[in-house]
């Protein structure tokens, strides 16, 4: 279970460091957030999502 928490933390860090990774390279033009938000709003959304994912990962590591 701790491995899953560490994976969540790593993904969250990736979202914070490279928030445009999924928009430009992996999932182009598929997310509703990409279409609904301005470019800066989307970057803020991805960074906040990364922070939430990191918190979930920390919770899993502590709980597990």
PDB file of N, CA and C in Angstrom:
ATOM      1  N   UNK A   1       0.820  -1.194   0.000  1.00  0.00           N
ATOM      2  CA  UNK A   1       0.000   0.000   0.000  1.00  0.00           C
ATOM      3  C   UNK A   1       0.862   1.255   0.000  1.00  0.00           C
ATOM      4  N   UNK A   2       2.023   1.184   0.623  1.00  0.00           N
ATOM      5  CA  UNK A   2       2.889   2.354   0.629  1.00  0.00           C
ATOM      6  C   UNK A   2       3.419   2.666  -0.766  1.00  0.00           C
ATOM      7  N   UNK A   3       3.564   1.652  -1.589  1.00  0.00           N
ATOM      8  CA  UNK A   3       4.015   1.887  -2.960  1.00  0.00           C
ATOM      9  C   UNK A   3       2.987   2.723  -3.723  1.00  0.00           C
ATOM     10  N   UNK A   4       1.714   2.461  -3.490  1.00  0.00           N
ATOM     11  CA  UNK A   4       0.666   3.260  -4.134  1.00  0.00           C
ATOM     12  C   UNK A   4       0.721   4.709  -3.657  1.00  0.00           C
ATOM     13  N   UNK A   5       0.965   4.920  -2.381  1.00  0.00           N
ATOM     14  CA  UNK A   5       1.084   6.280  -1.853  1.00  0.00           C
ATOM     15  C   UNK A   5       2.270   7.016  -2.444  1.00  0.00           C
ATOM     16  N   UNK A   6       3.384   6.305  -2.589  1.00  0.00           N
ATOM     17  CA  UNK A   6       4.568   6.916  -3.188  1.00  0.00           C
ATOM     18  C   UNK A   6       4.312   7.239  -4.653  1.00  0.00           C
ATOM     19  N   UNK A   7       3.571   6.383  -5.349  1.00  0.00           N
ATOM     20  CA  UNK A   7       3.220   6.655  -6.748  1.00  0.00           C
ATOM     21  C   UNK A   7       2.336   7.891  -6.843  1.00  0.00           C
ATOM     22  N   UNK A   8       1.376   8.038  -5.935  1.00  0.00           N
ATOM     23  CA  UNK A   8       0.532   9.232  -5.923  1.00  0.00           C
ATOM     24  C   UNK A   8       1.366  10.485  -5.693  1.00  0.00           C
ATOM     25  N   UNK A   9       2.305  10.418  -4.767  1.00  0.00           N
ATOM     26  CA  UNK A   9       3.161  11.562  -4.491  1.00  0.00           C
ATOM     27  C   UNK A   9       3.978  11.921  -5.726  1.00  0.00           C
ATOM     28  N   UNK A  10       4.533  10.916  -6.402  1.00  0.00           N
ATOM     29  CA  UNK A  10       5.333  11.169  -7.601  1.00  0.00           C
ATOM     30  C   UNK A  10       4.489  11.798  -8.709  1.00  0.00           C
ATOM     31  N   UNK A  11       3.273  11.310  -8.896  1.00  0.00           N
ATOM     32  CA  UNK A  11       2.387  11.881  -9.920  1.00  0.00           C
ATOM     33  C   UNK A  11       2.011  13.309  -9.552  1.00  0.00           C
ATOM     34  N   UNK A  12       1.746  13.559  -8.284  1.00  0.00           N
ATOM     35  CA  UNK A  12       1.421  14.908  -7.841  1.00  0.00           C
ATOM     36  C   UNK A  12       2.562  15.877  -8.073  1.00  0.00           C
ATOM     37  N   UNK A  13       3.784  15.432  -7.796  1.00  0.00           N
ATOM     38  CA  UNK A  13       4.949  16.282  -8.046  1.00  0.00           C
ATOM     39  C   UNK A  13       5.080  16.560  -9.542  1.00  0.00           C
ATOM     40  N   UNK A  14       4.840  15.539 -10.354  1.00  0.00           N
ATOM     41  CA  UNK A  14       4.896  15.722 -11.803  1.00  0.00           C
ATOM     42  C   UNK A  14       3.856  16.751 -12.262  1.00  0.00           C
ATOM     43  N   UNK A  15       2.659  16.705 -11.694  1.00  0.00           N
ATOM     44  CA  UNK A  15       1.623  17.685 -12.045  1.00  0.00           C
ATOM     45  C   UNK A  15       2.035  19.107 -11.667  1.00  0.00           C
ATOM     46  N   UNK A  16       2.715  19.252 -10.523  1.00  0.00           N
ATOM     47  CA  UNK A  16       3.111  20.584 -10.082  1.00  0.00           C
ATOM     48  C   UNK A  16       4.274  21.111 -10.915  1.00  0.00           C
ATOM     49  N   UNK A  17       5.249  20.253 -11.200  1.00  0.00           N
ATOM     50  CA  UNK A  17       6.442  20.693 -11.920  1.00  0.00           C
ATOM     51  C   UNK A  17       6.159  20.896 -13.408  1.00  0.00           C
ATOM     52  N   UNK A  18       5.416  19.994 -14.011  1.00  0.00           N
ATOM     53  CA  UNK A  18       5.115  20.057 -15.453  1.00  0.00           C
ATOM     54  C   UNK A  18       3.601  20.008 -15.666  1.00  0.00           C
ATOM     55  N   UNK A  19       2.880  21.069 -15.335  1.00  0.00           N
ATOM     56  CA  UNK A  19       1.420  21.017 -15.441  1.00  0.00           C
ATOM     57  C   UNK A  19       0.906  20.932 -16.879  1.00  0.00           C
ATOM     58  N   UNK A  20       1.731  21.313 -17.836  1.00  0.00           N
ATOM     59  CA  UNK A  20       1.283  21.262 -19.227  1.00  0.00           C
ATOM     60  C   UNK A  20       1.704  19.984 -19.939  1.00  0.00           C
ATOM     61  N   UNK A  21       2.298  19.053 -19.224  1.00  0.00           N
ATOM     62  CA  UNK A  21       2.759  17.796 -19.819  1.00  0.00           C
ATOM     63  C   UNK A  21       1.616  17.037 -20.478  1.00  0.00           C
ATOM     64  N   UNK A  22       0.499  16.915 -19.800  1.00  0.00           N
ATOM     65  CA  UNK A  22      -0.598  16.121 -20.328  1.00  0.00           C
ATOM     66  C   UNK A  22      -1.365  16.850 -21.420  1.00  0.00           C
ATOM     67  N   UNK A  23      -1.365  18.160 -21.362  1.00  0.00           N
ATOM     68  CA  UNK A  23      -2.071  18.925 -22.385  1.00  0.00           C
ATOM     69  C   UNK A  23      -1.318  18.885 -23.704  1.00  0.00           C
ATOM     70  N   UNK A  24      -0.018  18.936 -23.652  1.00  0.00           N
ATOM     71  CA  UNK A  24       0.752  19.033 -24.885  1.00  0.00           C
ATOM     72  C   UNK A  24       1.193  17.690 -25.440  1.00  0.00           C
ATOM     73  N   UNK A  25       1.434  16.700 -24.583  1.00  0.00           N
ATOM     74  CA  UNK A  25       2.065  15.488 -25.071  1.00  0.00           C
ATOM     75  C   UNK A  25       1.188  14.245 -24.980  1.00  0.00           C
ATOM     76  N   UNK A  26       0.483  14.056 -23.897  1.00  0.00           N
ATOM     77  CA  UNK A  26      -0.179  12.773 -23.676  1.00  0.00           C
ATOM     78  C   UNK A  26      -1.657  12.810 -24.052  1.00  0.00           C
ATOM     79  N   UNK A  27      -2.426  13.699 -23.454  1.00  0.00           N
ATOM     80  CA  UNK A  27      -3.863  13.745 -23.710  1.00  0.00           C
ATOM     81  C   UNK A  27      -4.233  15.074 -24.355  1.00  0.00           C
ATOM     82  N   UNK A  28      -3.927  15.254 -25.592  1.00  0.00           N
ATOM     83  CA  UNK A  28      -4.212  16.537 -26.224  1.00  0.00           C
ATOM     84  C   UNK A  28      -5.698  16.683 -26.542  1.00  0.00           C
ATOM     85  N   UNK A  29      -6.238  17.787 -26.139  1.00  0.00           N
ATOM     86  CA  UNK A  29      -7.617  18.192 -26.430  1.00  0.00           C
ATOM     87  C   UNK A  29      -8.682  17.190 -25.999  1.00  0.00           C
ATOM     88  N   UNK A  30      -8.481  16.521 -24.870  1.00  0.00           N
ATOM     89  CA  UNK A  30      -9.497  15.593 -24.401  1.00  0.00           C
ATOM     90  C   UNK A  30     -10.153  16.038 -23.100  1.00  0.00           C
ATOM     91  N   UNK A  31      -9.460  16.830 -22.315  1.00  0.00           N
ATOM     92  CA  UNK A  31      -9.983  17.201 -21.011  1.00  0.00           C
ATOM     93  C   UNK A  31     -10.982  18.349 -21.122  1.00  0.00           C
ATOM     94  N   UNK A  32     -12.047  18.265 -20.355  1.00  0.00           N
ATOM     95  CA  UNK A  32     -13.027  19.346 -20.295  1.00  0.00           C
ATOM     96  C   UNK A  32     -12.367  20.585 -19.691  1.00  0.00           C
ATOM     97  N   UNK A  33     -11.471  20.376 -18.713  1.00  0.00           N
ATOM     98  CA  UNK A  33     -10.777  21.497 -18.090  1.00  0.00           C
ATOM     99  C   UNK A  33      -9.921  22.231 -19.112  1.00  0.00           C
ATOM    100  N   UNK A  34      -9.334  21.508 -20.048  1.00  0.00           N
ATOM    101  CA  UNK A  34      -8.519  22.153 -21.070  1.00  0.00           C
ATOM    102  C   UNK A  34      -9.360  23.051 -21.958  1.00  0.00           C
ATOM    103  N   UNK A  35     -10.573  22.627 -22.252  1.00  0.00           N
ATOM    104  CA  UNK A  35     -11.440  23.416 -23.131  1.00  0.00           C
ATOM    105  C   UNK A  35     -12.143  24.542 -22.401  1.00  0.00           C
ATOM    106  N   UNK A  36     -12.423  24.365 -21.107  1.00  0.00           N
ATOM    107  CA  UNK A  36     -13.225  25.337 -20.372  1.00  0.00           C
ATOM    108  C   UNK A  36     -12.394  26.454 -19.744  1.00  0.00           C
ATOM    109  N   UNK A  37     -11.143  26.172 -19.418  1.00  0.00           N
ATOM    110  CA  UNK A  37     -10.328  27.146 -18.707  1.00  0.00           C
ATOM    111  C   UNK A  37      -9.365  27.863 -19.639  1.00  0.00           C
ATOM    112  N   UNK A  38      -8.957  29.042 -19.219  1.00  0.00           N
ATOM    113  CA  UNK A  38      -7.907  29.753 -19.959  1.00  0.00           C
ATOM    114  C   UNK A  38      -6.593  28.990 -19.768  1.00  0.00           C
ATOM    115  N   UNK A  39      -5.597  29.256 -20.589  1.00  0.00           N
ATOM    116  CA  UNK A  39      -4.314  28.563 -20.410  1.00  0.00           C
ATOM    117  C   UNK A  39      -3.728  28.727 -19.006  1.00  0.00           C
ATOM    118  N   UNK A  40      -3.773  29.935 -18.455  1.00  0.00           N
ATOM    119  CA  UNK A  40      -3.262  30.135 -17.098  1.00  0.00           C
ATOM    120  C   UNK A  40      -4.153  29.451 -16.071  1.00  0.00           C
ATOM    121  N   UNK A  41      -5.456  29.480 -16.282  1.00  0.00           N
ATOM    122  CA  UNK A  41      -6.383  28.793 -15.384  1.00  0.00           C
ATOM    123  C   UNK A  41      -6.163  27.295 -15.382  1.00  0.00           C
ATOM    124  N   UNK A  42      -5.853  26.739 -16.547  1.00  0.00           N
ATOM    125  CA  UNK A  42      -5.583  25.312 -16.631  1.00  0.00           C
ATOM    126  C   UNK A  42      -4.310  24.950 -15.874  1.00  0.00           C
ATOM    127  N   UNK A  43      -3.271  25.781 -15.988  1.00  0.00           N
ATOM    128  CA  UNK A  43      -2.032  25.519 -15.253  1.00  0.00           C
ATOM    129  C   UNK A  43      -2.281  25.571 -13.745  1.00  0.00           C
ATOM    130  N   UNK A  44      -3.063  26.547 -13.295  1.00  0.00           N
ATOM    131  CA  UNK A  44      -3.405  26.626 -11.874  1.00  0.00           C
ATOM    132  C   UNK A  44      -4.204  25.405 -11.437  1.00  0.00           C
ATOM    133  N   UNK A  45      -5.154  24.981 -12.251  1.00  0.00           N
ATOM    134  CA  UNK A  45      -5.964  23.795 -11.956  1.00  0.00           C
ATOM    135  C   UNK A  45      -5.084  22.565 -11.792  1.00  0.00           C
ATOM    136  N   UNK A  46      -4.127  22.373 -12.710  1.00  0.00           N
ATOM    137  CA  UNK A  46      -3.260  21.195 -12.648  1.00  0.00           C
ATOM    138  C   UNK A  46      -2.344  21.243 -11.425  1.00  0.00           C
ATOM    139  N   UNK A  47      -1.877  22.425 -11.065  1.00  0.00           N
ATOM    140  CA  UNK A  47      -1.022  22.536  -9.884  1.00  0.00           C
ATOM    141  C   UNK A  47      -1.806  22.242  -8.609  1.00  0.00           C
ATOM    142  N   UNK A  48      -3.032  22.728  -8.523  1.00  0.00           N
ATOM    143  CA  UNK A  48      -3.870  22.430  -7.359  1.00  0.00           C
ATOM    144  C   UNK A  48      -4.190  20.947  -7.314  1.00  0.00           C
ATOM    145  N   UNK A  49      -4.497  20.368  -8.465  1.00  0.00           N
ATOM    146  CA  UNK A  49      -4.761  18.932  -8.526  1.00  0.00           C
ATOM    147  C   UNK A  49      -3.532  18.140  -8.085  1.00  0.00           C
ATOM    148  N   UNK A  50      -2.346  18.572  -8.487  1.00  0.00           N
ATOM    149  CA  UNK A  50      -1.110  17.927  -8.048  1.00  0.00           C
ATOM    150  C   UNK A  50      -0.949  17.988  -6.540  1.00  0.00           C
ATOM    151  N   UNK A  51      -1.266  19.127  -5.953  1.00  0.00           N
ATOM    152  CA  UNK A  51      -1.197  19.253  -4.497  1.00  0.00           C
ATOM    153  C   UNK A  51      -2.155  18.326  -3.788  1.00  0.00           C
ATOM    154  N   UNK A  52      -3.357  18.204  -4.313  1.00  0.00           N
ATOM    155  CA  UNK A  52      -4.349  17.299  -3.725  1.00  0.00           C
ATOM    156  C   UNK A  52      -3.877  15.850  -3.847  1.00  0.00           C
ATOM    157  N   UNK A  53      -3.319  15.486  -4.983  1.00  0.00           N
ATOM    158  CA  UNK A  53      -2.832  14.124  -5.183  1.00  0.00           C
ATOM    159  C   UNK A  53      -1.677  13.831  -4.225  1.00  0.00           C
ATOM    160  N   UNK A  54      -0.805  14.810  -3.993  1.00  0.00           N
ATOM    161  CA  UNK A  54       0.287  14.621  -3.032  1.00  0.00           C
ATOM    162  C   UNK A  54      -0.272  14.390  -1.633  1.00  0.00           C
ATOM    163  N   UNK A  55      -1.278  15.165  -1.243  1.00  0.00           N
ATOM    164  CA  UNK A  55      -1.890  14.973   0.074  1.00  0.00           C
ATOM    165  C   UNK A  55      -2.518  13.597   0.214  1.00  0.00           C
ATOM    166  N   UNK A  56      -3.178  13.129  -0.839  1.00  0.00           N
ATOM    167  CA  UNK A  56      -3.758  11.778  -0.813  1.00  0.00           C
ATOM    168  C   UNK A  56      -2.648  10.745  -0.685  1.00  0.00           C
ATOM    169  N   UNK A  57      -1.557  10.933  -1.421  1.00  0.00           N
ATOM    170  CA  UNK A  57      -0.433  10.007  -1.323  1.00  0.00           C
ATOM    171  C   UNK A  57       0.175   9.972   0.066  1.00  0.00           C
ATOM    172  N   UNK A  58       0.329  11.132   0.693  1.00  0.00           N
ATOM    173  CA  UNK A  58       0.862  11.184   2.058  1.00  0.00           C
ATOM    174  C   UNK A  58      -0.079  10.475   3.009  1.00  0.00           C
ATOM    175  N   UNK A  59      -1.368  10.679   2.852  1.00  0.00           N
ATOM    176  CA  UNK A  59      -2.351  10.003   3.691  1.00  0.00           C
ATOM    177  C   UNK A  59      -2.253   8.488   3.540  1.00  0.00           C
ATOM    178  N   UNK A  60      -2.106   8.010   2.299  1.00  0.00           N
ATOM    179  CA  UNK A  60      -2.001   6.566   2.065  1.00  0.00           C
ATOM    180  C   UNK A  60      -0.736   6.007   2.698  1.00  0.00           C
ATOM    181  N   UNK A  61       0.375   6.739   2.579  1.00  0.00           N
ATOM    182  CA  UNK A  61       1.634   6.265   3.170  1.00  0.00           C
ATOM    183  C   UNK A  61       1.534   6.204   4.690  1.00  0.00           C
ATOM    184  N   UNK A  62       0.933   7.218   5.302  1.00  0.00           N
ATOM    185  CA  UNK A  62       0.806   7.239   6.757  1.00  0.00           C
ATOM    186  C   UNK A  62      -0.184   6.178   7.226  1.00  0.00           C
ATOM    187  N   UNK A  63      -1.293   6.059   6.530  1.00  0.00           N
ATOM    188  CA  UNK A  63      -2.340   5.103   6.914  1.00  0.00           C
ATOM    189  C   UNK A  63      -1.920   3.651   6.667  1.00  0.00           C
ATOM    190  N   UNK A  64      -1.178   3.443   5.561  1.00  0.00           N
ATOM    191  CA  UNK A  64      -0.822   2.094   5.115  1.00  0.00           C
ATOM    192  C   UNK A  64       0.145   1.425   6.024  1.00  0.00           C
TER     193      UNK A  64
END
